[in-house]
Amino acid sequence: MPQDPVSHLKALIEKYTVLSFIPDITSYRLITGPGTGTCIFRGCTEPVAWEDARGGNYLCEGHYVVMKRWIDEARQGLITGDYSALFEPETLRK
């Protein structure tokens, strides 16, 4: 996986979802009626709960939380499941 947070985020999204871009998580809204569609995470069968501003790119509740966390961590310069770009293993040993 790439070491910079944005590239790492994009790689996670491409690996685990059907998207090839970073979605604007701030534009997502809770679906108020019955959701029709499937979560963008590969293999997810949970009911959809969130949609983007265009009414697509659905997320179930659990994957909405995951995506929001990934994006928040990338914005802060952290890398989920890996070392932060600011704290390489060599730096930690010094």
Protein backbone atom coordinates (compact mmCIF):
# COMPACT_ATOMS: atom_id res chain seq x y z
CA MET A 1 0.00 0.00 0.00
CA PRO A 2 1.17 3.56 -0.69
CA GLN A 3 2.53 5.49 2.26
CA ASP A 4 0.89 8.89 1.79
CA PRO A 5 -2.59 9.07 3.38
CA VAL A 6 -4.57 10.09 0.29
CA SER A 7 -3.04 7.43 -1.97
CA HIS A 8 -3.53 4.85 0.76
CA LEU A 9 -7.17 5.90 1.15
CA LYS A 10 -7.75 5.62 -2.60
CA ALA A 11 -6.12 2.16 -2.62
CA LEU A 12 -8.38 1.00 0.24
CA ILE A 13 -11.46 2.29 -1.55
CA GLU A 14 -10.49 0.60 -4.82
CA LYS A 15 -9.73 -2.67 -3.03
CA TYR A 16 -12.85 -2.92 -0.87
CA THR A 17 -15.52 -1.04 -2.84
CA VAL A 18 -16.74 -0.78 -6.41
CA LEU A 19 -15.57 2.86 -6.61
CA SER A 20 -12.38 4.15 -8.19
CA PHE A 21 -12.54 7.57 -6.53
CA ILE A 22 -12.80 9.04 -3.05
CA PRO A 23 -16.45 9.84 -2.37
CA ASP A 24 -17.51 13.14 -0.81
CA ILE A 25 -18.66 11.67 2.50
CA THR A 26 -19.93 15.09 3.63
CA SER A 27 -22.59 14.97 0.90
CA TYR A 28 -24.04 11.67 2.14
CA ARG A 29 -27.52 11.71 3.63
CA LEU A 30 -29.54 9.19 5.56
CA ILE A 31 -32.09 7.35 3.42
CA THR A 32 -35.52 7.98 4.94
CA GLY A 33 -37.59 5.50 2.93
CA PRO A 34 -36.88 1.93 1.96
CA GLY A 35 -33.49 1.80 0.26
CA THR A 36 -33.20 0.27 -3.15
CA GLY A 37 -29.72 -0.70 -4.16
CA THR A 38 -26.66 -2.29 -2.65
CA CYS A 39 -23.81 -1.07 -0.53
CA ILE A 40 -20.72 -0.08 -2.53
CA PHE A 41 -18.53 -2.38 -0.41
CA ARG A 42 -17.82 -5.60 -2.26
CA GLY A 43 -19.91 -8.53 -1.04
CA CYS A 44 -21.98 -6.50 1.42
CA THR A 45 -25.57 -7.69 1.79
CA GLU A 46 -26.66 -5.34 4.58
CA PRO A 47 -29.56 -2.97 3.89
CA VAL A 48 -28.50 0.42 2.57
CA ALA A 49 -28.87 3.38 4.92
CA TRP A 50 -26.90 6.21 3.28
CA GLU A 51 -26.71 7.71 -0.21
CA ASP A 52 -24.68 10.48 -1.80
CA ALA A 53 -26.16 13.79 -2.95
CA ARG A 54 -27.08 12.31 -6.35
CA GLY A 55 -29.01 9.46 -4.74
CA GLY A 56 -26.46 6.74 -5.50
CA ASN A 57 -23.22 5.19 -4.21
CA TYR A 58 -25.11 3.59 -1.33
CA LEU A 59 -23.60 2.58 1.99
CA CYS A 60 -25.00 0.41 4.76
CA GLU A 61 -24.74 1.83 8.28
CA GLY A 62 -21.58 -0.10 9.18
CA HIS A 63 -19.72 0.72 5.99
CA TYR A 64 -20.73 4.38 6.25
CA VAL A 65 -18.93 4.46 9.62
CA VAL A 66 -15.89 2.70 8.09
CA MET A 67 -15.71 5.06 5.09
CA LYS A 68 -16.15 8.12 7.30
CA ARG A 69 -13.34 6.91 9.58
CA TRP A 70 -11.01 6.19 6.63
CA ILE A 71 -11.60 9.65 5.19
CA ASP A 72 -11.25 11.40 8.57
CA GLU A 73 -7.99 9.54 9.26
CA ALA A 74 -6.61 10.41 5.83
CA ARG A 75 -7.46 14.07 6.43
CA GLN A 76 -5.53 13.92 9.70
CA GLY A 77 -2.54 12.29 8.03
CA LEU A 78 -3.08 8.84 9.50
CA ILE A 79 -3.13 5.59 7.59
CA THR A 80 -5.67 2.99 8.65
CA GLY A 81 -4.14 -0.39 9.43
CA ASP A 82 -0.62 0.83 8.81
CA TYR A 83 1.91 3.32 10.10
CA SER A 84 1.25 7.02 9.79
CA ALA A 85 3.25 8.71 7.05
CA LEU A 86 4.63 10.94 9.80
CA PHE A 87 5.78 8.00 11.94
CA GLU A 88 7.69 5.59 9.72
CA PRO A 89 9.07 2.51 11.53
CA GLU A 90 12.62 3.89 11.21
CA THR A 91 11.56 7.10 12.95
CA LEU A 92 10.02 5.17 15.83
CA ARG A 93 13.26 3.30 16.48
CA LYS A 94 15.40 6.48 16.79
